Amino acid sequence: MAKFEEAEARLFHRMFVCKDCKSKQRAPVLKVKEGKVKCRKCGSHNLRPIKKK
């Protein structure tokens, strides 16, 4: 299956997943590393990058 750069950017660029409730959100990488971004759903600061399959 062919990979399109536009689709990959839309699905994975700046996407993070909450480690507690598994919700996804888009945020700047530096703010996530500094701990300034929290989950909209549960309020946790534990975020990880989304995994590419």
Protein backbone atom coordinates (compact mmCIF):
# COMPACT_ATOMS: atom_id res chain seq x y z
CA MET A 1 0.00 0.00 0.00
CA ALA A 2 1.36 3.39 -0.98
CA LYS A 3 2.06 5.97 1.72
CA PHE A 4 1.02 9.55 1.06
CA GLU A 5 2.97 12.30 2.78
CA GLU A 6 -0.16 14.42 3.21
CA ALA A 7 -2.04 11.63 4.94
CA GLU A 8 0.90 10.75 7.17
CA ALA A 9 1.29 14.37 8.23
CA ARG A 10 -2.43 14.62 9.02
CA LEU A 11 -2.47 11.43 11.09
CA PHE A 12 0.87 11.57 12.92
CA HIS A 13 2.34 15.10 12.92
CA ARG A 14 2.26 16.58 16.47
CA MET A 15 -0.24 13.90 17.64
CA PHE A 16 -0.02 12.65 21.21
CA VAL A 17 -1.91 10.03 23.20
CA CYS A 18 -2.74 10.24 26.89
CA LYS A 19 -1.16 7.36 28.81
CA ASP A 20 -4.07 7.24 31.25
CA CYS A 21 -7.28 7.55 29.20
CA LYS A 22 -5.91 6.88 25.66
CA SER A 23 -7.43 10.03 24.13
CA LYS A 24 -5.62 11.74 21.25
CA GLN A 25 -4.78 15.40 20.83
CA ARG A 26 -2.56 17.58 18.69
CA ALA A 27 0.00 19.77 20.47
CA PRO A 28 3.46 21.32 19.96
CA VAL A 29 6.30 18.96 20.83
CA LEU A 30 8.21 21.43 23.02
CA LYS A 31 5.18 22.23 25.17
CA VAL A 32 4.52 18.51 25.73
CA LYS A 33 8.15 17.95 26.77
CA GLU A 34 7.97 20.87 29.20
CA GLY A 35 4.76 19.47 30.72
CA LYS A 36 2.63 22.49 29.82
CA VAL A 37 0.04 20.46 27.89
CA LYS A 38 -2.55 18.38 29.69
CA CYS A 39 -5.20 15.94 28.51
CA ARG A 40 -8.58 17.48 27.71
CA LYS A 41 -10.44 14.47 29.04
CA CYS A 42 -8.73 13.54 32.31
CA GLY A 43 -6.29 16.41 32.99
CA SER A 44 -3.19 14.22 33.04
CA HIS A 45 0.22 15.49 31.89
CA ASN A 46 1.37 11.97 30.84
CA LEU A 47 1.39 12.13 27.03
CA ARG A 48 3.28 10.02 24.50
CA PRO A 49 3.71 10.32 20.72
CA ILE A 50 1.27 8.29 18.63
CA LYS A 51 2.73 5.03 17.28
CA LYS A 52 3.03 4.55 13.52
CA LYS A 53 2.02 1.11 12.35
